[in-house]
Amino acid sequence: MNGQAWLLLLEGAWTTLWISGIAIAIGVFCGLGIALLRMARIPFLEQFLILYTSLARATPLVTLVLFIFLSAPMFGINLDRNTAAILALTLNTTAFNAEIWRAAFISFSREQKEAALACGMTQGVFFRRIMLPQMLTSSLPGLVNEMSFLIKGSPAIAIIGIVDLTRVTNRIAAVTYDPLPPILAAALLYMLIIGVLLKLQAIAEKKANRLAM
């Protein structure tokens, strides 16, 4: 493993990080939106969202990536590789995040809502100041677990030619005929990324607990 190999690994890690990061950021907020819409129980829309979350969670990520990248041109939509990868990861993680948020909605205490409304608090203020901070606290471990699963599943985007961390590892191994060093280096980089994510979770939990008090 020379300096050039490490530079290639870091570039691959950056590609994995920014593509996954965009998908995670969009997926968390879209998942919350889907959970809110499902709790509203709007006819037809609820059935559509149930179908979407079921299909997205059941479809292997590599299959979803290939389907979006290859089928988009058939509908006159030209997606580059990065956009197709972000879209596939977002559709996947949004479905899982929606179920995590929905579980938090279902488990929320009705007594708190009744007490807040009885005191004259509006629905919007109650949701923003009382419900959302508590839901965030209870959902955070599940959301972070889903984020880590998405990052570890992101090598699926290499199927459409994106040079992510795993693909760089394979290229280095093919050139050096010594696969173990790049594999260990890639594993170290993945562990660092997940470690930072877990550290951010601990910081976010402390802040969420303060907001929920």
N, C-alpha and C. Protein backbone atom coordinates (compact mmCIF):
# COMPACT_ATOMS: atom_id res chain seq x y z
N MET A 1 0.84 -1.19 0.00
CA MET A 1 0.00 0.00 0.00
C MET A 1 0.88 1.25 0.00
N ASN A 2 0.91 1.96 -1.13
CA ASN A 2 1.68 3.20 -1.21
C ASN A 2 0.75 4.40 -1.06
N GLY A 3 1.35 5.58 -1.18
CA GLY A 3 0.57 6.80 -1.01
C GLY A 3 -0.51 6.97 -2.06
N GLN A 4 -0.23 6.54 -3.29
CA GLN A 4 -1.22 6.65 -4.35
C GLN A 4 -2.44 5.79 -4.06
N ALA A 5 -2.20 4.60 -3.51
CA ALA A 5 -3.31 3.71 -3.17
C ALA A 5 -4.19 4.32 -2.08
N TRP A 6 -3.54 4.92 -1.09
CA TRP A 6 -4.31 5.56 -0.02
C TRP A 6 -5.10 6.75 -0.55
N LEU A 7 -4.53 7.49 -1.47
CA LEU A 7 -5.24 8.62 -2.06
C LEU A 7 -6.49 8.15 -2.81
N LEU A 8 -6.34 7.05 -3.55
CA LEU A 8 -7.49 6.49 -4.27
C LEU A 8 -8.57 6.01 -3.30
N LEU A 9 -8.14 5.40 -2.20
CA LEU A 9 -9.10 4.93 -1.19
C LEU A 9 -9.85 6.09 -0.56
N LEU A 10 -9.13 7.18 -0.27
CA LEU A 10 -9.78 8.35 0.32
C LEU A 10 -10.76 8.99 -0.66
N GLU A 11 -10.41 9.01 -1.94
CA GLU A 11 -11.34 9.53 -2.95
C GLU A 11 -12.58 8.66 -3.04
N GLY A 12 -12.39 7.34 -2.98
CA GLY A 12 -13.54 6.43 -2.99
C GLY A 12 -14.40 6.60 -1.76
N ALA A 13 -13.74 6.79 -0.59
CA ALA A 13 -14.49 7.01 0.65
C ALA A 13 -15.29 8.30 0.58
N TRP A 14 -14.72 9.35 -0.03
CA TRP A 14 -15.45 10.61 -0.18
C TRP A 14 -16.68 10.44 -1.07
N THR A 15 -16.52 9.68 -2.15
CA THR A 15 -17.67 9.41 -3.03
C THR A 15 -18.77 8.68 -2.27
N THR A 16 -18.39 7.66 -1.51
CA THR A 16 -19.37 6.94 -0.69
C THR A 16 -20.05 7.87 0.30
N LEU A 17 -19.25 8.74 0.91
CA LEU A 17 -19.76 9.60 1.97
C LEU A 17 -20.73 10.65 1.45
N TRP A 18 -20.38 11.33 0.36
CA TRP A 18 -21.26 12.42 -0.08
C TRP A 18 -22.53 11.90 -0.73
N ILE A 19 -22.45 10.80 -1.46
CA ILE A 19 -23.67 10.23 -2.06
C ILE A 19 -24.59 9.70 -0.97
N SER A 20 -24.03 8.96 -0.02
CA SER A 20 -24.84 8.44 1.09
C SER A 20 -25.38 9.57 1.95
N GLY A 21 -24.55 10.61 2.16
CA GLY A 21 -24.97 11.73 3.01
C GLY A 21 -26.17 12.47 2.45
N ILE A 22 -26.17 12.70 1.15
CA ILE A 22 -27.32 13.37 0.53
C ILE A 22 -28.58 12.51 0.66
N ALA A 23 -28.43 11.21 0.40
CA ALA A 23 -29.58 10.30 0.51
C ALA A 23 -30.10 10.25 1.94
N ILE A 24 -29.20 10.23 2.91
CA ILE A 24 -29.61 10.18 4.32
C ILE A 24 -30.37 11.44 4.70
N ALA A 25 -29.83 12.61 4.33
CA ALA A 25 -30.47 13.88 4.69
C ALA A 25 -31.87 13.99 4.12
N ILE A 26 -32.01 13.63 2.84
CA ILE A 26 -33.34 13.68 2.21
C ILE A 26 -34.25 12.61 2.81
N GLY A 27 -33.70 11.42 3.04
CA GLY A 27 -34.50 10.30 3.51
C GLY A 27 -35.10 10.51 4.89
N VAL A 28 -34.36 11.17 5.78
CA VAL A 28 -34.87 11.42 7.13
C VAL A 28 -36.10 12.33 7.08
N PHE A 29 -36.00 13.42 6.32
CA PHE A 29 -37.11 14.38 6.26
C PHE A 29 -38.29 13.83 5.45
N CYS A 30 -37.99 13.15 4.34
CA CYS A 30 -39.08 12.55 3.56
C CYS A 30 -39.76 11.44 4.34
N GLY A 31 -38.98 10.69 5.11
CA GLY A 31 -39.57 9.64 5.94
C GLY A 31 -40.53 10.21 6.97
N LEU A 32 -40.14 11.35 7.57
CA LEU A 32 -41.03 12.02 8.52
C LEU A 32 -42.30 12.48 7.82
N GLY A 33 -42.16 13.03 6.62
CA GLY A 33 -43.33 13.48 5.87
C GLY A 33 -44.27 12.33 5.54
N ILE A 34 -43.71 11.20 5.13
CA ILE A 34 -44.55 10.04 4.80
C ILE A 34 -45.26 9.53 6.04
N ALA A 35 -44.55 9.52 7.17
CA ALA A 35 -45.17 9.07 8.42
C ALA A 35 -46.34 9.98 8.80
N LEU A 36 -46.16 11.29 8.62
CA LEU A 36 -47.24 12.24 8.92
C LEU A 36 -48.45 12.00 8.01
N LEU A 37 -48.19 11.78 6.73
CA LEU A 37 -49.28 11.54 5.78
C LEU A 37 -50.00 10.24 6.09
N ARG A 38 -49.25 9.22 6.49
CA ARG A 38 -49.90 7.95 6.82
C ARG A 38 -50.75 8.07 8.08
N MET A 39 -50.28 8.85 9.04
CA MET A 39 -51.06 9.03 10.26
C MET A 39 -52.33 9.85 10.00
N ALA A 40 -52.32 10.65 8.92
CA ALA A 40 -53.50 11.42 8.55
C ALA A 40 -54.59 10.54 7.94
N ARG A 41 -54.19 9.33 7.49
CA ARG A 41 -55.13 8.34 6.93
C ARG A 41 -55.99 8.92 5.80
N ILE A 42 -55.32 9.52 4.82
CA ILE A 42 -56.00 10.06 3.65
C ILE A 42 -56.29 8.91 2.69
N PRO A 43 -57.55 8.72 2.28
CA PRO A 43 -57.88 7.60 1.38
C PRO A 43 -57.04 7.62 0.11
N PHE A 44 -56.72 6.45 -0.38
CA PHE A 44 -55.93 6.22 -1.59
C PHE A 44 -54.45 6.58 -1.37
N LEU A 45 -54.19 7.77 -0.80
CA LEU A 45 -52.81 8.15 -0.56
C LEU A 45 -52.15 7.21 0.45
N GLU A 46 -52.89 6.85 1.48
CA GLU A 46 -52.34 5.93 2.48
C GLU A 46 -52.01 4.58 1.85
N GLN A 47 -52.91 4.06 0.99
CA GLN A 47 -52.65 2.78 0.33
C GLN A 47 -51.43 2.87 -0.58
N PHE A 48 -51.28 4.00 -1.26
CA PHE A 48 -50.12 4.19 -2.13
C PHE A 48 -48.82 4.21 -1.33
N LEU A 49 -48.83 4.91 -0.20
CA LEU A 49 -47.64 4.99 0.63
C LEU A 49 -47.29 3.65 1.26
N ILE A 50 -48.30 2.89 1.63
CA ILE A 50 -48.06 1.54 2.16
C ILE A 50 -47.40 0.67 1.10
N LEU A 51 -47.91 0.78 -0.13
CA LEU A 51 -47.33 0.00 -1.24
C LEU A 51 -45.89 0.42 -1.49
N TYR A 52 -45.64 1.72 -1.48
CA TYR A 52 -44.27 2.21 -1.71
C TYR A 52 -43.30 1.71 -0.65
N THR A 53 -43.67 1.88 0.62
CA THR A 53 -42.76 1.47 1.69
C THR A 53 -42.53 -0.04 1.68
N SER A 54 -43.55 -0.80 1.35
CA SER A 54 -43.41 -2.26 1.31
C SER A 54 -42.47 -2.67 0.17
N LEU A 55 -42.67 -2.10 -1.02
CA LEU A 55 -41.84 -2.45 -2.17
C LEU A 55 -40.39 -1.99 -1.98
N ALA A 56 -40.22 -0.77 -1.49
CA ALA A 56 -38.87 -0.23 -1.32
C ALA A 56 -38.08 -1.01 -0.28
N ARG A 57 -38.75 -1.45 0.78
CA ARG A 57 -38.05 -2.21 1.81
C ARG A 57 -37.76 -3.63 1.36
N ALA A 58 -38.59 -4.17 0.48
CA ALA A 58 -38.42 -5.55 0.05
C ALA A 58 -37.44 -5.70 -1.11
N THR A 59 -37.22 -4.63 -1.86
CA THR A 59 -36.36 -4.70 -3.05
C THR A 59 -34.89 -4.60 -2.65
N PRO A 60 -34.05 -5.53 -3.07
CA PRO A 60 -32.61 -5.41 -2.81
C PRO A 60 -32.06 -4.11 -3.37
N LEU A 61 -31.15 -3.50 -2.66
CA LEU A 61 -30.65 -2.19 -3.06
C LEU A 61 -29.98 -2.22 -4.42
N VAL A 62 -29.21 -3.27 -4.70
CA VAL A 62 -28.53 -3.35 -5.99
C VAL A 62 -29.55 -3.45 -7.13
N THR A 63 -30.66 -4.14 -6.89
CA THR A 63 -31.72 -4.24 -7.90
C THR A 63 -32.37 -2.88 -8.13
N LEU A 64 -32.60 -2.15 -7.05
CA LEU A 64 -33.22 -0.82 -7.16
C LEU A 64 -32.31 0.14 -7.93
N VAL A 65 -31.02 0.09 -7.66
CA VAL A 65 -30.07 0.94 -8.37
C VAL A 65 -30.08 0.65 -9.86
N LEU A 66 -30.01 -0.62 -10.20
CA LEU A 66 -30.03 -1.01 -11.62
C LEU A 66 -31.34 -0.63 -12.29
N PHE A 67 -32.46 -0.85 -11.60
CA PHE A 67 -33.77 -0.56 -12.18
C PHE A 67 -33.90 0.93 -12.51
N ILE A 68 -33.52 1.79 -11.57
CA ILE A 68 -33.64 3.23 -11.80
C ILE A 68 -32.71 3.68 -12.92
N PHE A 69 -31.47 3.21 -12.89
CA PHE A 69 -30.50 3.66 -13.88
C PHE A 69 -30.86 3.19 -15.30
N LEU A 70 -31.38 1.97 -15.41
CA LEU A 70 -31.67 1.42 -16.74
C LEU A 70 -33.06 1.77 -17.25
N SER A 71 -34.02 1.97 -16.35
CA SER A 71 -35.40 2.23 -16.78
C SER A 71 -35.68 3.71 -17.02
N ALA A 72 -34.94 4.61 -16.39
CA ALA A 72 -35.21 6.05 -16.54
C ALA A 72 -35.18 6.49 -18.00
N PRO A 73 -34.19 6.08 -18.82
CA PRO A 73 -34.18 6.51 -20.22
C PRO A 73 -35.41 6.05 -21.00
N MET A 74 -36.04 4.95 -20.58
CA MET A 74 -37.24 4.46 -21.27
C MET A 74 -38.40 5.43 -21.12
N PHE A 75 -38.37 6.25 -20.06
CA PHE A 75 -39.43 7.24 -19.83
C PHE A 75 -38.96 8.64 -20.22
N GLY A 76 -37.86 8.72 -20.97
CA GLY A 76 -37.37 10.01 -21.42
C GLY A 76 -36.63 10.79 -20.36
N ILE A 77 -36.20 10.12 -19.29
CA ILE A 77 -35.48 10.79 -18.21
C ILE A 77 -34.02 10.36 -18.27
N ASN A 78 -33.15 11.31 -18.48
CA ASN A 78 -31.72 11.00 -18.55
C ASN A 78 -31.06 11.33 -17.21
N LEU A 79 -30.68 10.29 -16.51
CA LEU A 79 -30.03 10.44 -15.22
C LEU A 79 -28.57 10.04 -15.33
N ASP A 80 -27.69 10.88 -14.76
CA ASP A 80 -26.30 10.44 -14.70
C ASP A 80 -26.15 9.43 -13.57
N ARG A 81 -24.99 8.82 -13.48
CA ARG A 81 -24.79 7.75 -12.50
C ARG A 81 -24.97 8.23 -11.07
N ASN A 82 -24.44 9.39 -10.76
CA ASN A 82 -24.53 9.90 -9.39
C ASN A 82 -25.97 10.19 -8.99
N THR A 83 -26.72 10.80 -9.90
CA THR A 83 -28.13 11.12 -9.61
C THR A 83 -28.94 9.84 -9.43
N ALA A 84 -28.71 8.86 -10.28
CA ALA A 84 -29.43 7.58 -10.16
C ALA A 84 -29.09 6.91 -8.84
N ALA A 85 -27.83 6.97 -8.43
CA ALA A 85 -27.42 6.36 -7.17
C ALA A 85 -28.07 7.05 -5.98
N ILE A 86 -28.07 8.38 -5.99
CA ILE A 86 -28.69 9.13 -4.90
C ILE A 86 -30.18 8.83 -4.83
N LEU A 87 -30.85 8.79 -5.98
CA LEU A 87 -32.28 8.52 -6.01
C LEU A 87 -32.59 7.14 -5.46
N ALA A 88 -31.80 6.14 -5.85
CA ALA A 88 -32.04 4.78 -5.38
C ALA A 88 -31.82 4.67 -3.88
N LEU A 89 -30.73 5.23 -3.39
CA LEU A 89 -30.46 5.19 -1.95
C LEU A 89 -31.53 5.95 -1.17
N THR A 90 -31.98 7.07 -1.73
CA THR A 90 -33.01 7.87 -1.04
C THR A 90 -34.33 7.11 -0.96
N LEU A 91 -34.75 6.50 -2.06
CA LEU A 91 -36.00 5.74 -2.05
C LEU A 91 -35.93 4.60 -1.05
N ASN A 92 -34.77 3.97 -0.95
CA ASN A 92 -34.61 2.86 -0.02
C ASN A 92 -34.66 3.32 1.43
N THR A 93 -33.84 4.31 1.76
CA THR A 93 -33.76 4.72 3.16
C THR A 93 -35.01 5.47 3.63
N THR A 94 -35.68 6.18 2.71
CA THR A 94 -36.91 6.89 3.08
C THR A 94 -37.97 5.91 3.58
N ALA A 95 -38.10 4.77 2.92
CA ALA A 95 -39.10 3.78 3.31
C ALA A 95 -38.84 3.26 4.72
N PHE A 96 -37.59 2.97 5.03
CA PHE A 96 -37.25 2.49 6.38
C PHE A 96 -37.42 3.58 7.42
N ASN A 97 -37.00 4.80 7.08
CA ASN A 97 -37.15 5.91 8.02
C ASN A 97 -38.62 6.22 8.30
N ALA A 98 -39.46 6.08 7.29
CA ALA A 98 -40.90 6.33 7.47
C ALA A 98 -41.48 5.39 8.52
N GLU A 99 -41.06 4.14 8.50
CA GLU A 99 -41.57 3.18 9.48
C GLU A 99 -41.03 3.47 10.88
N ILE A 100 -39.81 3.95 10.96
CA ILE A 100 -39.25 4.32 12.26
C ILE A 100 -40.01 5.50 12.85
N TRP A 101 -40.26 6.52 12.04
CA TRP A 101 -41.03 7.68 12.50
C TRP A 101 -42.46 7.29 12.85
N ARG A 102 -43.06 6.42 12.04
CA ARG A 102 -44.45 6.01 12.29
C ARG A 102 -44.57 5.27 13.62
N ALA A 103 -43.58 4.44 13.92
CA ALA A 103 -43.58 3.73 15.21
C ALA A 103 -43.51 4.72 16.37
N ALA A 104 -42.75 5.81 16.18
CA ALA A 104 -42.67 6.83 17.22
C ALA A 104 -44.01 7.55 17.39
N PHE A 105 -44.72 7.80 16.27
CA PHE A 105 -46.05 8.41 16.34
C PHE A 105 -47.01 7.51 17.12
N ILE A 106 -47.01 6.24 16.78
CA ILE A 106 -47.95 5.29 17.39
C ILE A 106 -47.72 5.17 18.89
N SER A 107 -46.45 5.19 19.29
CA SER A 107 -46.14 4.98 20.71
C SER A 107 -46.22 6.26 21.55
N PHE A 108 -46.49 7.40 20.89
CA PHE A 108 -46.53 8.66 21.65
C PHE A 108 -47.76 8.70 22.55
N SER A 109 -47.57 9.25 23.73
CA SER A 109 -48.64 9.30 24.73
C SER A 109 -49.76 10.25 24.30
N ARG A 110 -50.98 9.74 24.25
CA ARG A 110 -52.14 10.58 23.91
C ARG A 110 -52.47 11.55 25.04
N GLU A 111 -52.15 11.16 26.26
CA GLU A 111 -52.47 12.02 27.41
C GLU A 111 -51.75 13.36 27.31
N GLN A 112 -50.51 13.33 26.81
CA GLN A 112 -49.77 14.59 26.66
C GLN A 112 -50.45 15.51 25.67
N LYS A 113 -50.92 14.94 24.57
CA LYS A 113 -51.59 15.75 23.56
C LYS A 113 -52.88 16.35 24.11
N GLU A 114 -53.65 15.53 24.81
CA GLU A 114 -54.91 16.02 25.37
C GLU A 114 -54.67 17.12 26.39
N ALA A 115 -53.61 16.96 27.20
CA ALA A 115 -53.29 17.97 28.21
C ALA A 115 -52.85 19.28 27.56
N ALA A 116 -52.02 19.17 26.51
CA ALA A 116 -51.53 20.37 25.83
C ALA A 116 -52.66 21.12 25.14
N LEU A 117 -53.55 20.39 24.48
CA LEU A 117 -54.67 21.04 23.79
C LEU A 117 -55.64 21.64 24.79
N ALA A 118 -55.78 20.99 25.94
CA ALA A 118 -56.67 21.52 26.97
C ALA A 118 -56.15 22.83 27.54
N CYS A 119 -54.83 23.01 27.49
CA CYS A 119 -54.22 24.25 27.98
C CYS A 119 -54.24 25.37 26.94
N GLY A 120 -54.81 25.07 25.77
CA GLY A 120 -54.91 26.08 24.73
C GLY A 120 -53.78 26.07 23.72
N MET A 121 -52.93 25.07 23.78
CA MET A 121 -51.82 24.98 22.83
C MET A 121 -52.33 24.51 21.47
N THR A 122 -51.86 25.14 20.41
CA THR A 122 -52.29 24.74 19.07
C THR A 122 -51.61 23.44 18.66
N GLN A 123 -52.16 22.80 17.61
CA GLN A 123 -51.58 21.55 17.11
C GLN A 123 -50.14 21.75 16.66
N GLY A 124 -49.90 22.86 15.94
CA GLY A 124 -48.57 23.12 15.43
C GLY A 124 -47.54 23.33 16.53
N VAL A 125 -47.89 24.12 17.52
CA VAL A 125 -46.98 24.39 18.63
C VAL A 125 -46.73 23.11 19.43
N PHE A 126 -47.78 22.34 19.66
CA PHE A 126 -47.63 21.08 20.38
C PHE A 126 -46.68 20.13 19.65
N PHE A 127 -46.86 20.02 18.34
CA PHE A 127 -46.01 19.12 17.57
C PHE A 127 -44.56 19.58 17.60
N ARG A 128 -44.34 20.88 17.44
CA ARG A 128 -42.97 21.40 17.33
C ARG A 128 -42.24 21.39 18.67
N ARG A 129 -42.93 21.74 19.75
CA ARG A 129 -42.24 21.92 21.03
C ARG A 129 -42.29 20.69 21.94
N ILE A 130 -43.29 19.85 21.78
CA ILE A 130 -43.43 18.71 22.70
C ILE A 130 -43.27 17.38 21.99
N MET A 131 -44.05 17.19 20.93
CA MET A 131 -44.09 15.87 20.29
C MET A 131 -42.81 15.56 19.53
N LEU A 132 -42.38 16.48 18.65
CA LEU A 132 -41.22 16.21 17.80
C LEU A 132 -39.93 15.96 18.59
N PRO A 133 -39.61 16.76 19.64
CA PRO A 133 -38.39 16.47 20.40
C PRO A 133 -38.40 15.08 21.04
N GLN A 134 -39.56 14.67 21.58
CA GLN A 134 -39.63 13.35 22.20
C GLN A 134 -39.55 12.24 21.15
N MET A 135 -40.20 12.46 20.00
CA MET A 135 -40.12 11.47 18.93
C MET A 135 -38.70 11.34 18.41
N LEU A 136 -38.01 12.46 18.30
CA LEU A 136 -36.63 12.43 17.83
C LEU A 136 -35.75 11.64 18.78
N THR A 137 -35.97 11.83 20.09
CA THR A 137 -35.18 11.10 21.08
C THR A 137 -35.41 9.60 20.98
N SER A 138 -36.66 9.19 20.84
CA SER A 138 -36.97 7.76 20.78
C SER A 138 -36.60 7.14 19.43
N SER A 139 -36.62 7.95 18.37
CA SER A 139 -36.35 7.42 17.03
C SER A 139 -34.88 7.46 16.65
N LEU A 140 -34.09 8.26 17.35
CA LEU A 140 -32.71 8.49 16.95
C LEU A 140 -31.88 7.21 16.81
N PRO A 141 -31.94 6.28 17.78
CA PRO A 141 -31.16 5.04 17.58
C PRO A 141 -31.55 4.28 16.32
N GLY A 142 -32.84 4.19 16.04
CA GLY A 142 -33.28 3.50 14.84
C GLY A 142 -32.86 4.23 13.58
N LEU A 143 -32.95 5.56 13.59
CA LEU A 143 -32.54 6.35 12.42
C LEU A 143 -31.05 6.21 12.15
N VAL A 144 -30.25 6.25 13.21
CA VAL A 144 -28.80 6.12 13.03
C VAL A 144 -28.44 4.71 12.57
N ASN A 145 -29.14 3.70 13.09
CA ASN A 145 -28.89 2.34 12.61
C ASN A 145 -29.18 2.23 11.11
N GLU A 146 -30.27 2.86 10.67
CA GLU A 146 -30.61 2.85 9.25
C GLU A 146 -29.55 3.58 8.43
N MET A 147 -29.03 4.69 8.97
CA MET A 147 -27.96 5.40 8.28
C MET A 147 -26.73 4.52 8.10
N SER A 148 -26.35 3.81 9.16
CA SER A 148 -25.18 2.94 9.07
C SER A 148 -25.41 1.79 8.10
N PHE A 149 -26.64 1.24 8.09
CA PHE A 149 -26.96 0.18 7.14
C PHE A 149 -26.87 0.68 5.70
N LEU A 150 -27.32 1.92 5.49
CA LEU A 150 -27.27 2.48 4.14
C LEU A 150 -25.83 2.66 3.68
N ILE A 151 -24.98 3.17 4.57
CA ILE A 151 -23.58 3.37 4.20
C ILE A 151 -22.91 2.04 3.89
N LYS A 152 -23.21 1.03 4.72
CA LYS A 152 -22.61 -0.28 4.48
C LYS A 152 -23.21 -0.97 3.26
N GLY A 153 -24.41 -0.57 2.87
CA GLY A 153 -25.02 -1.13 1.66
C GLY A 153 -24.74 -0.33 0.41
N SER A 154 -24.07 0.82 0.58
CA SER A 154 -23.81 1.70 -0.56
C SER A 154 -22.92 1.11 -1.65
N PRO A 155 -22.10 0.06 -1.39
CA PRO A 155 -21.35 -0.54 -2.51
C PRO A 155 -22.23 -1.01 -3.66
N ALA A 156 -23.54 -1.09 -3.44
CA ALA A 156 -24.46 -1.47 -4.52
C ALA A 156 -24.39 -0.47 -5.68
N ILE A 157 -24.01 0.79 -5.39
CA ILE A 157 -23.98 1.79 -6.46
C ILE A 157 -22.83 1.55 -7.44
N ALA A 158 -21.87 0.72 -7.04
CA ALA A 158 -20.76 0.41 -7.94
C ALA A 158 -21.22 -0.37 -9.17
N ILE A 159 -22.41 -0.97 -9.09
CA ILE A 159 -22.93 -1.78 -10.19
C ILE A 159 -23.18 -0.93 -11.44
N ILE A 160 -23.36 0.39 -11.25
CA ILE A 160 -23.59 1.26 -12.41
C ILE A 160 -22.35 2.09 -12.75
N GLY A 161 -21.20 1.68 -12.23
CA GLY A 161 -19.94 2.30 -12.62
C GLY A 161 -19.43 3.39 -11.73
N ILE A 162 -20.05 3.64 -10.58
CA ILE A 162 -19.56 4.66 -9.67
C ILE A 162 -18.36 4.11 -8.90
N VAL A 163 -17.30 4.89 -8.85
CA VAL A 163 -16.07 4.44 -8.20
C VAL A 163 -16.14 4.82 -6.72
N ASP A 164 -16.81 3.98 -5.94
CA ASP A 164 -16.92 4.20 -4.51
C ASP A 164 -15.76 3.49 -3.81
N LEU A 165 -15.83 3.43 -2.48
CA LEU A 165 -14.73 2.86 -1.71
C LEU A 165 -14.50 1.39 -2.04
N THR A 166 -15.57 0.62 -2.14
CA THR A 166 -15.43 -0.81 -2.42
C THR A 166 -14.87 -1.04 -3.82
N ARG A 167 -15.32 -0.26 -4.79
CA ARG A 167 -14.82 -0.44 -6.16
C ARG A 167 -13.34 -0.09 -6.26
N VAL A 168 -12.92 0.96 -5.53
CA VAL A 168 -11.50 1.30 -5.50
C VAL A 168 -10.69 0.16 -4.90
N THR A 169 -11.23 -0.44 -3.84
CA THR A 169 -10.55 -1.57 -3.21
C THR A 169 -10.33 -2.70 -4.21
N ASN A 170 -11.35 -3.01 -4.97
CA ASN A 170 -11.23 -4.07 -5.97
C ASN A 170 -10.20 -3.73 -7.05
N ARG A 171 -10.16 -2.46 -7.44
CA ARG A 171 -9.21 -2.04 -8.47
C ARG A 171 -7.76 -2.16 -7.98
N ILE A 172 -7.53 -1.74 -6.75
CA ILE A 172 -6.18 -1.83 -6.20
C ILE A 172 -5.76 -3.28 -6.07
N ALA A 173 -6.68 -4.12 -5.60
CA ALA A 173 -6.37 -5.54 -5.45
C ALA A 173 -6.06 -6.19 -6.80
N ALA A 174 -6.77 -5.74 -7.85
CA ALA A 174 -6.54 -6.31 -9.18
C ALA A 174 -5.18 -5.92 -9.73
N VAL A 175 -4.68 -4.76 -9.35
CA VAL A 175 -3.39 -4.29 -9.84
C VAL A 175 -2.23 -4.89 -9.05
N THR A 176 -2.40 -4.95 -7.72
CA THR A 176 -1.30 -5.39 -6.85
C THR A 176 -1.27 -6.90 -6.64
N TYR A 177 -2.37 -7.58 -6.96
CA TYR A 177 -2.51 -9.02 -6.71
C TYR A 177 -2.37 -9.36 -5.22
N ASP A 178 -2.64 -8.38 -4.38
CA ASP A 178 -2.59 -8.57 -2.93
C ASP A 178 -3.83 -7.92 -2.33
N PRO A 179 -4.94 -8.64 -2.26
CA PRO A 179 -6.21 -8.02 -1.88
C PRO A 179 -6.33 -7.66 -0.41
N LEU A 180 -5.57 -8.29 0.46
CA LEU A 180 -5.78 -8.09 1.90
C LEU A 180 -5.51 -6.65 2.36
N PRO A 181 -4.39 -6.01 2.01
CA PRO A 181 -4.15 -4.63 2.49
C PRO A 181 -5.23 -3.64 2.11
N PRO A 182 -5.67 -3.58 0.82
CA PRO A 182 -6.73 -2.61 0.51
C PRO A 182 -8.06 -2.94 1.18
N ILE A 183 -8.34 -4.23 1.37
CA ILE A 183 -9.58 -4.61 2.05
C ILE A 183 -9.56 -4.15 3.50
N LEU A 184 -8.42 -4.35 4.17
CA LEU A 184 -8.29 -3.91 5.56
C LEU A 184 -8.36 -2.39 5.66
N ALA A 185 -7.74 -1.71 4.70
CA ALA A 185 -7.79 -0.24 4.69
C ALA A 185 -9.21 0.27 4.48
N ALA A 186 -9.94 -0.37 3.56
CA ALA A 186 -11.34 0.02 3.32
C ALA A 186 -12.19 -0.23 4.55
N ALA A 187 -11.95 -1.38 5.22
CA ALA A 187 -12.69 -1.68 6.45
C ALA A 187 -12.44 -0.63 7.51
N LEU A 188 -11.19 -0.18 7.61
CA LEU A 188 -10.85 0.87 8.57
C LEU A 188 -11.58 2.17 8.26
N LEU A 189 -11.64 2.53 6.99
CA LEU A 189 -12.34 3.76 6.60
C LEU A 189 -13.84 3.66 6.87
N TYR A 190 -14.44 2.51 6.59
CA TYR A 190 -15.85 2.32 6.89
C TYR A 190 -16.11 2.45 8.40
N MET A 191 -15.21 1.85 9.19
CA MET A 191 -15.37 1.92 10.65
C MET A 191 -15.24 3.35 11.16
N LEU A 192 -14.34 4.13 10.53
CA LEU A 192 -14.20 5.52 10.92
C LEU A 192 -15.46 6.32 10.61
N ILE A 193 -16.04 6.07 9.44
CA ILE A 193 -17.27 6.77 9.05
C ILE A 193 -18.40 6.43 10.01
N ILE A 194 -18.58 5.14 10.30
CA ILE A 194 -19.64 4.72 11.21
C ILE A 194 -19.36 5.22 12.62
N GLY A 195 -18.09 5.24 13.02
CA GLY A 195 -17.74 5.74 14.34
C GLY A 195 -18.10 7.21 14.52
N VAL A 196 -17.83 8.01 13.50
CA VAL A 196 -18.21 9.43 13.54
C VAL A 196 -19.73 9.57 13.62
N LEU A 197 -20.43 8.72 12.88
CA LEU A 197 -21.90 8.75 12.90
C LEU A 197 -22.43 8.44 14.30
N LEU A 198 -21.85 7.46 14.97
CA LEU A 198 -22.28 7.10 16.32
C LEU A 198 -21.96 8.21 17.32
N LYS A 199 -20.83 8.88 17.11
CA LYS A 199 -20.48 10.01 17.97
C LYS A 199 -21.48 11.15 17.80
N LEU A 200 -21.86 11.42 16.57
CA LEU A 200 -22.87 12.45 16.32
C LEU A 200 -24.21 12.06 16.94
N GLN A 201 -24.52 10.75 16.94
CA GLN A 201 -25.75 10.28 17.57
C GLN A 201 -25.75 10.61 19.06
N ALA A 202 -24.62 10.36 19.73
CA ALA A 202 -24.54 10.64 21.16
C ALA A 202 -24.73 12.13 21.44
N ILE A 203 -24.13 12.98 20.60
CA ILE A 203 -24.29 14.43 20.78
C ILE A 203 -25.74 14.85 20.54
N ALA A 204 -26.35 14.30 19.47
CA ALA A 204 -27.74 14.64 19.15
C ALA A 204 -28.69 14.17 20.24
N GLU A 205 -28.43 13.01 20.83
CA GLU A 205 -29.29 12.51 21.90
C GLU A 205 -29.27 13.44 23.11
N LYS A 206 -28.10 13.96 23.44
CA LYS A 206 -28.01 14.89 24.57
C LYS A 206 -28.83 16.16 24.30
N LYS A 207 -28.71 16.68 23.07
CA LYS A 207 -29.46 17.90 22.74
C LYS A 207 -30.95 17.62 22.68
N ALA A 208 -31.32 16.47 22.13
CA ALA A 208 -32.75 16.12 22.05
C ALA A 208 -33.35 15.94 23.43
N ASN A 209 -32.58 15.35 24.35
CA ASN A 209 -33.07 15.18 25.72
C ASN A 209 -33.30 16.50 26.40
N ARG A 210 -32.43 17.48 26.09
CA ARG A 210 -32.63 18.82 26.67
C ARG A 210 -33.88 19.48 26.12
N LEU A 211 -34.12 19.30 24.81
CA LEU A 211 -35.32 19.89 24.21
C LEU A 211 -36.59 19.24 24.73
N ALA A 212 -36.51 17.93 25.05
CA ALA A 212 -37.69 17.20 25.49
C ALA A 212 -38.05 17.48 26.94
N MET A 213 -37.12 18.10 27.67
CA MET A 213 -37.39 18.38 29.10
C MET A 213 -38.41 19.50 29.27
